[in-house]
N, C-alpha and C. Protein backbone atom coordinates (compact mmCIF):
# COMPACT_ATOMS: atom_id res chain seq x y z
N UNK A 1 1.12 -9.28 -28.56
CA UNK A 1 0.19 -9.76 -28.24
C UNK A 1 -0.78 -11.15 -29.28
N UNK A 2 -0.53 -10.70 -30.56
CA UNK A 2 0.29 -10.84 -31.82
C UNK A 2 0.77 -11.78 -31.66
N UNK A 3 0.69 -13.61 -32.22
CA UNK A 3 2.03 -14.85 -32.01
C UNK A 3 1.54 -15.12 -34.05
N UNK A 4 1.96 -14.67 -34.50
CA UNK A 4 2.26 -15.61 -36.11
C UNK A 4 3.68 -16.42 -36.25
N UNK A 5 2.87 -17.40 -36.76
CA UNK A 5 3.68 -19.05 -36.74
C UNK A 5 3.61 -19.28 -38.11
N UNK A 6 4.18 -19.29 -39.08
CA UNK A 6 4.25 -20.21 -40.70
C UNK A 6 4.74 -21.90 -40.41
N UNK A 7 4.28 -22.61 -40.91
CA UNK A 7 4.39 -23.91 -41.99
C UNK A 7 4.08 -24.05 -42.81
N UNK A 8 5.23 -25.29 -43.48
CA UNK A 8 4.65 -25.27 -45.06
C UNK A 8 6.08 -25.41 -45.83
N UNK A 9 7.04 -24.84 -45.25
CA UNK A 9 8.00 -24.04 -46.45
C UNK A 9 9.48 -25.63 -46.34
N UNK A 10 9.68 -25.42 -47.39
CA UNK A 10 10.79 -27.27 -48.07
C UNK A 10 11.51 -26.48 -49.12
N UNK A 11 12.20 -27.42 -49.64
CA UNK A 11 12.51 -27.55 -50.83
C UNK A 11 11.90 -28.30 -51.76
N UNK A 12 11.97 -28.20 -52.88
CA UNK A 12 10.64 -28.52 -53.78
C UNK A 12 11.75 -28.12 -55.38
N UNK A 13 11.17 -28.89 -56.21
CA UNK A 13 11.94 -28.68 -57.56
C UNK A 13 11.11 -27.45 -58.55
N UNK A 14 12.16 -26.52 -59.86
CA UNK A 14 10.76 -26.12 -59.71
C UNK A 14 9.71 -26.84 -61.41
N UNK A 15 8.49 -25.63 -61.05
CA UNK A 15 7.67 -27.03 -61.26
C UNK A 15 6.41 -27.32 -60.53
N UNK A 16 7.57 -27.63 -59.45
CA UNK A 16 6.35 -28.26 -57.90
C UNK A 16 5.88 -27.31 -57.54
N UNK A 17 4.80 -27.75 -56.63
CA UNK A 17 4.41 -26.56 -55.26
C UNK A 17 4.19 -26.77 -54.26
N UNK A 18 3.87 -26.07 -53.01
CA UNK A 18 4.04 -26.20 -51.50
C UNK A 18 2.83 -25.13 -50.87
N UNK A 19 2.69 -25.86 -50.60
CA UNK A 19 1.62 -24.77 -49.42
C UNK A 19 1.94 -24.26 -48.69
N UNK A 20 1.93 -22.92 -47.69
CA UNK A 20 2.11 -22.39 -46.38
C UNK A 20 1.21 -22.29 -45.96
N UNK A 21 1.25 -22.58 -44.49
CA UNK A 21 0.16 -21.94 -43.51
C UNK A 21 0.84 -21.28 -42.77
N UNK A 22 -0.17 -20.47 -41.36
CA UNK A 22 0.19 -19.46 -40.52
C UNK A 22 -0.71 -19.06 -40.09
N UNK A 23 -1.09 -20.00 -38.78
CA UNK A 23 -1.91 -19.60 -37.31
C UNK A 23 -1.27 -18.59 -36.57
N UNK A 24 -3.06 -17.17 -36.29
CA UNK A 24 -2.67 -16.29 -35.63
C UNK A 24 -2.89 -16.74 -34.01
N UNK A 25 -2.33 -16.22 -32.99
CA UNK A 25 -3.31 -16.47 -31.57
C UNK A 25 -2.62 -14.61 -31.24
N UNK A 26 -3.04 -15.06 -30.03
CA UNK A 26 -3.24 -13.57 -29.71
C UNK A 26 -4.99 -12.59 -29.46
N UNK A 27 -5.10 -12.15 -30.51
CA UNK A 27 -6.02 -11.26 -31.10
C UNK A 27 -6.81 -12.16 -32.47
N UNK A 28 -8.41 -11.05 -31.96
CA UNK A 28 -8.79 -11.88 -32.94
C UNK A 28 -8.46 -11.37 -34.49
N UNK A 29 -8.97 -12.71 -35.13
CA UNK A 29 -8.12 -12.93 -35.91
C UNK A 29 -8.77 -12.26 -37.25
N UNK A 30 -9.87 -12.69 -37.05
CA UNK A 30 -11.09 -12.04 -38.42
C UNK A 30 -10.98 -10.18 -38.79
N UNK A 31 -10.84 -9.82 -37.89
CA UNK A 31 -10.65 -8.59 -38.09
C UNK A 31 -8.92 -7.41 -38.56
N UNK A 32 -8.09 -8.76 -38.50
CA UNK A 32 -6.44 -8.48 -40.07
C UNK A 32 -6.55 -8.53 -41.07
N UNK A 33 -6.60 -7.77 -42.16
CA UNK A 33 -5.95 -8.29 -43.28
C UNK A 33 -4.37 -8.99 -43.07
N UNK A 34 -4.65 -9.90 -43.99
CA UNK A 34 -3.47 -10.26 -43.68
C UNK A 34 -2.16 -10.42 -45.29
N UNK A 35 -1.28 -10.80 -45.38
CA UNK A 35 0.14 -11.08 -46.18
C UNK A 35 0.65 -11.86 -45.81
N UNK A 36 1.41 -11.87 -46.93
CA UNK A 36 2.09 -13.22 -47.66
C UNK A 36 3.32 -12.42 -48.07
N UNK A 37 4.85 -11.55 -47.48
CA UNK A 37 5.58 -10.68 -48.37
C UNK A 37 6.83 -11.85 -48.14
N UNK A 38 8.00 -12.09 -48.89
CA UNK A 38 9.19 -12.96 -49.05
C UNK A 38 10.21 -11.58 -49.47
N UNK A 39 11.38 -12.75 -48.75
CA UNK A 39 12.65 -11.76 -48.91
C UNK A 39 14.17 -13.14 -49.73
N UNK A 40 14.73 -12.65 -50.79
CA UNK A 40 15.52 -13.57 -51.26
C UNK A 40 16.87 -12.99 -50.77
N UNK A 41 17.86 -13.87 -50.40
CA UNK A 41 19.01 -13.70 -50.70
C UNK A 41 19.96 -12.04 -51.40
N UNK A 42 19.79 -11.45 -50.61
CA UNK A 42 20.56 -9.95 -51.28
C UNK A 42 19.38 -8.93 -51.68
N UNK A 43 18.72 -9.29 -51.43
CA UNK A 43 17.37 -8.65 -52.40
C UNK A 43 15.76 -7.79 -51.36
N UNK A 44 15.51 -7.43 -51.14
CA UNK A 44 14.44 -6.27 -50.38
C UNK A 44 13.75 -7.56 -49.97
N UNK A 45 12.93 -7.13 -49.05
CA UNK A 45 11.78 -7.83 -48.40
C UNK A 45 10.28 -7.49 -49.34
N UNK A 46 9.55 -7.83 -50.26
CA UNK A 46 8.93 -7.88 -51.04
C UNK A 46 7.42 -8.32 -51.37
N UNK A 47 5.77 -7.44 -50.89
CA UNK A 47 4.81 -8.05 -51.05
C UNK A 47 4.66 -9.56 -51.99
N UNK A 48 3.89 -10.25 -51.50
CA UNK A 48 3.90 -11.66 -52.72
C UNK A 48 2.22 -11.14 -52.97
N UNK A 49 1.68 -11.55 -52.20
CA UNK A 49 0.13 -12.07 -51.84
C UNK A 49 -0.64 -11.27 -50.20
N UNK A 50 -1.79 -10.49 -50.57
CA UNK A 50 -2.65 -9.97 -49.42
C UNK A 50 -4.38 -10.83 -49.42
N UNK A 51 -4.87 -10.58 -48.72
CA UNK A 51 -6.50 -11.02 -48.35
C UNK A 51 -6.99 -9.28 -47.05
N UNK A 52 -8.08 -9.61 -47.57
CA UNK A 52 -9.24 -8.68 -47.05
C UNK A 52 -9.08 -9.83 -46.10
N UNK A 53 -9.32 -8.61 -44.61
CA UNK A 53 -10.01 -9.31 -43.08
C UNK A 53 -11.33 -9.92 -44.07
N UNK A 54 -12.45 -9.94 -44.50
CA UNK A 54 -13.59 -10.58 -44.48
C UNK A 54 -13.27 -12.19 -45.55
N UNK A 55 -11.70 -11.96 -46.07
CA UNK A 55 -11.71 -12.11 -47.67
C UNK A 55 -12.36 -12.28 -48.84
N UNK A 56 -13.11 -10.96 -48.69
CA UNK A 56 -13.27 -10.77 -50.77
C UNK A 56 -12.85 -10.44 -51.17
N UNK A 57 -11.48 -9.90 -51.09
CA UNK A 57 -10.58 -9.61 -52.20
C UNK A 57 -9.32 -9.41 -51.20
N UNK A 58 -8.56 -10.11 -52.83
CA UNK A 58 -7.16 -10.51 -52.50
C UNK A 58 -6.28 -10.12 -53.61
N UNK A 59 -5.57 -9.68 -53.53
CA UNK A 59 -4.43 -8.73 -54.11
C UNK A 59 -2.97 -10.10 -54.24
N UNK A 60 -2.22 -9.69 -55.73
CA UNK A 60 -1.46 -10.46 -55.90
C UNK A 60 0.07 -9.36 -56.46
N UNK A 61 1.18 -9.46 -56.11
CA UNK A 61 2.18 -9.19 -56.71
C UNK A 61 2.39 -10.01 -58.05
N UNK A 62 2.71 -9.13 -59.09
CA UNK A 62 2.78 -9.42 -60.78
C UNK A 62 3.36 -10.59 -61.06
N UNK A 63 4.15 -10.67 -59.96
CA UNK A 63 5.90 -11.35 -60.53
C UNK A 63 4.90 -13.03 -59.64
N UNK A 64 3.91 -13.52 -59.50
CA UNK A 64 3.36 -14.48 -58.69
C UNK A 64 1.52 -14.64 -59.78
N UNK A 65 1.51 -14.02 -59.53
CA UNK A 65 0.06 -13.72 -59.97
C UNK A 65 -0.35 -15.10 -61.76
N UNK A 66 -1.45 -16.19 -60.83
CA UNK A 66 -1.62 -16.93 -61.80
C UNK A 66 -0.47 -18.10 -61.56
N UNK A 67 -0.31 -17.96 -60.44
CA UNK A 67 0.33 -19.38 -59.72
C UNK A 67 0.45 -19.78 -58.36
N UNK A 68 0.16 -18.13 -57.21
CA UNK A 68 0.03 -18.04 -56.17
C UNK A 68 -1.65 -17.80 -55.58
N UNK A 69 -2.28 -18.57 -54.80
CA UNK A 69 -3.23 -18.69 -54.18
C UNK A 69 -3.54 -18.08 -52.54
N UNK A 70 -3.76 -16.68 -52.42
CA UNK A 70 -3.98 -17.07 -50.73
C UNK A 70 -5.37 -16.98 -50.62
N UNK A 71 -5.28 -17.88 -49.10
CA UNK A 71 -7.10 -18.01 -49.16
C UNK A 71 -7.07 -18.30 -47.08
N UNK A 72 -7.98 -17.49 -46.53
CA UNK A 72 -8.26 -18.01 -45.74
C UNK A 72 -9.24 -18.26 -44.85
N UNK A 73 -9.31 -18.78 -43.35
CA UNK A 73 -9.76 -19.66 -42.20
C UNK A 73 -10.50 -19.25 -41.59
N UNK A 74 -10.95 -18.49 -41.22
CA UNK A 74 -11.20 -17.51 -39.85
C UNK A 74 -11.82 -18.08 -38.83
N UNK A 75 -12.30 -19.41 -39.29
CA UNK A 75 -12.85 -20.27 -38.29
C UNK A 75 -11.77 -20.83 -37.19
N UNK A 76 -10.83 -21.34 -38.35
CA UNK A 76 -9.46 -21.85 -37.42
C UNK A 76 -8.19 -20.76 -37.26
N UNK A 77 -8.87 -19.06 -38.13
CA UNK A 77 -7.54 -18.42 -37.26
C UNK A 77 -6.00 -18.67 -38.14
N UNK A 78 -6.61 -19.27 -39.86
CA UNK A 78 -5.81 -19.90 -40.43
C UNK A 78 -5.79 -19.11 -41.31
N UNK A 79 -4.06 -18.03 -41.76
CA UNK A 79 -4.23 -18.11 -44.06
C UNK A 79 -2.48 -18.78 -44.33
N UNK A 80 -2.82 -19.34 -45.74
CA UNK A 80 -2.99 -20.19 -46.57
C UNK A 80 -2.05 -19.35 -47.68
N UNK A 81 -1.23 -19.86 -48.11
CA UNK A 81 -0.40 -19.49 -49.59
C UNK A 81 -0.32 -21.08 -50.24
N UNK A 82 -1.31 -20.97 -51.57
CA UNK A 82 -0.65 -22.28 -52.81
C UNK A 82 0.50 -21.99 -53.37
N UNK A 83 1.26 -22.42 -53.82
CA UNK A 83 2.33 -22.10 -54.59
C UNK A 83 2.16 -22.81 -55.58
N UNK A 84 1.93 -22.85 -56.62
CA UNK A 84 2.10 -23.55 -57.90
C UNK A 84 3.10 -22.78 -58.91
N UNK A 85 3.65 -24.28 -60.45
CA UNK A 85 4.01 -24.05 -60.88
C UNK A 85 5.81 -23.06 -60.86
N UNK A 86 6.00 -23.51 -59.22
CA UNK A 86 7.67 -22.83 -58.73
C UNK A 86 8.55 -22.03 -59.40
N UNK A 87 8.99 -21.52 -59.27
CA UNK A 87 10.22 -21.40 -59.87
C UNK A 87 11.98 -20.95 -59.14
N UNK A 88 12.67 -20.94 -59.64
CA UNK A 88 14.28 -20.44 -58.58
C UNK A 88 14.25 -18.76 -58.31
N UNK A 89 13.67 -18.48 -59.32
CA UNK A 89 13.08 -16.95 -58.78
C UNK A 89 12.44 -16.81 -56.93
N UNK A 90 11.14 -17.88 -56.99
CA UNK A 90 10.77 -18.23 -55.72
C UNK A 90 11.59 -17.92 -54.50
N UNK A 91 12.64 -18.84 -54.80
CA UNK A 91 13.08 -18.99 -53.74
C UNK A 91 13.66 -17.45 -52.70
N UNK A 92 13.65 -17.80 -51.12
CA UNK A 92 13.02 -16.82 -50.30
C UNK A 92 12.99 -17.27 -49.39
N UNK A 93 12.56 -16.58 -47.98
CA UNK A 93 12.02 -16.07 -47.02
C UNK A 93 11.02 -15.69 -46.69
N UNK A 94 9.53 -16.56 -46.50
CA UNK A 94 8.58 -16.29 -46.52
C UNK A 94 7.84 -16.14 -45.54
N UNK A 95 7.16 -14.30 -44.88
CA UNK A 95 6.42 -13.92 -43.31
C UNK A 95 4.98 -13.82 -43.63
N UNK A 96 4.10 -14.21 -42.73
CA UNK A 96 3.04 -14.33 -43.02
C UNK A 96 3.14 -12.78 -41.77
N UNK A 97 2.05 -12.14 -42.48
CA UNK A 97 2.30 -10.71 -41.94
C UNK A 97 0.50 -10.60 -41.59
N UNK A 98 0.76 -9.34 -40.72
CA UNK A 98 -1.34 -9.30 -40.39
C UNK A 98 -0.77 -7.18 -40.24
N UNK A 99 -2.20 -6.13 -40.41
CA UNK A 99 -2.47 -4.63 -40.71
C UNK A 99 -3.97 -5.06 -39.97
N UNK A 100 -4.23 -3.51 -39.47
CA UNK A 100 -5.61 -3.51 -39.37
C UNK A 100 -5.91 -2.67 -39.70
N UNK A 101 -5.00 -2.53 -40.94
CA UNK A 101 -6.00 -1.00 -41.87
C UNK A 101 -5.35 -1.59 -43.63
N UNK A 102 -5.92 -0.82 -44.55
CA UNK A 102 -5.10 -0.74 -46.19
C UNK A 102 -3.97 0.44 -45.37
N UNK A 103 -3.14 0.33 -46.82
CA UNK A 103 -2.98 -0.54 -47.89
C UNK A 103 -2.94 -2.17 -47.60
N UNK A 104 -3.40 -3.43 -48.35
CA UNK A 104 -2.26 -4.54 -48.20
C UNK A 104 -1.59 -4.75 -49.15
N UNK A 105 -1.42 -3.87 -50.64
CA UNK A 105 0.13 -4.40 -50.70
C UNK A 105 1.03 -3.07 -50.95
N UNK A 106 1.43 -4.13 -49.71
CA UNK A 106 2.41 -3.16 -48.77
C UNK A 106 3.78 -4.33 -48.09
N UNK A 107 4.43 -3.25 -48.03
CA UNK A 107 5.52 -4.36 -47.14
C UNK A 107 5.37 -4.00 -45.77
N UNK A 108 5.38 -2.72 -45.07
CA UNK A 108 4.51 -2.41 -43.86
C UNK A 108 3.46 -2.72 -42.81
N UNK A 109 3.87 -3.89 -42.80
CA UNK A 109 2.52 -4.15 -41.79
C UNK A 109 2.85 -4.70 -40.07
N UNK A 110 1.90 -4.68 -39.32
CA UNK A 110 2.28 -4.36 -38.02
C UNK A 110 3.06 -5.79 -37.28
N UNK A 111 2.81 -6.39 -37.67
CA UNK A 111 2.75 -8.50 -36.91
C UNK A 111 3.19 -8.85 -38.06
N UNK A 112 4.44 -9.98 -37.71
CA UNK A 112 5.52 -10.24 -38.49
C UNK A 112 5.98 -12.46 -37.54
N UNK A 113 5.21 -12.92 -38.81
CA UNK A 113 6.23 -14.52 -37.95
C UNK A 113 7.19 -14.50 -38.42
N UNK A 114 8.27 -15.67 -37.41
CA UNK A 114 9.28 -16.39 -38.19
C UNK A 114 9.80 -16.15 -39.51
N UNK A 115 8.66 -16.35 -40.24
CA UNK A 115 9.55 -17.06 -41.71
C UNK A 115 9.17 -18.18 -41.58
N UNK A 116 9.38 -18.80 -43.19
CA UNK A 116 9.99 -20.32 -43.28
C UNK A 116 10.50 -20.39 -44.65
N UNK A 117 11.22 -21.19 -45.06
CA UNK A 117 12.05 -20.78 -45.69
C UNK A 117 11.57 -21.69 -46.95
N UNK A 118 11.66 -21.29 -48.49
CA UNK A 118 11.29 -21.87 -50.02
C UNK A 118 12.09 -21.71 -50.65
N UNK A 119 13.02 -23.00 -50.96
CA UNK A 119 14.17 -23.18 -51.67
C UNK A 119 13.35 -24.25 -52.67
N UNK A 120 13.06 -23.44 -54.23
CA UNK A 120 13.39 -23.87 -55.48
C UNK A 120 14.18 -24.34 -56.61
N UNK A 121 14.70 -25.43 -56.90
CA UNK A 121 16.10 -26.29 -57.72
C UNK A 121 15.70 -25.73 -59.09
N UNK A 122 16.58 -25.70 -60.05
CA UNK A 122 16.44 -26.15 -61.02
C UNK A 122 16.71 -26.98 -62.01
């Protein structure tokens, strides 16, 4: 019943910025913890950022802390990932995901979007 649709990916030079968006339909968005996960070629999927259902607490992988910001607008059923100071190592498919409980800093989410490609050139 849950549908997640990501947008905002693309090609950017190192040091640049992108903002990803993810819209949920089919369920009550405000009841779900949300996460952004990413998978680089040849690597396992990893947790990048997450946010509680209320927006009261955020979580970040050490690799993105200080550069990425996750936020949500429950009135718009949308979660965002602002990515600044991008590095070539950030190149990956980025997935929006939802789950109903803890933990948030995990790759084991219940619902997934189709993914959006982010490529950072040096």
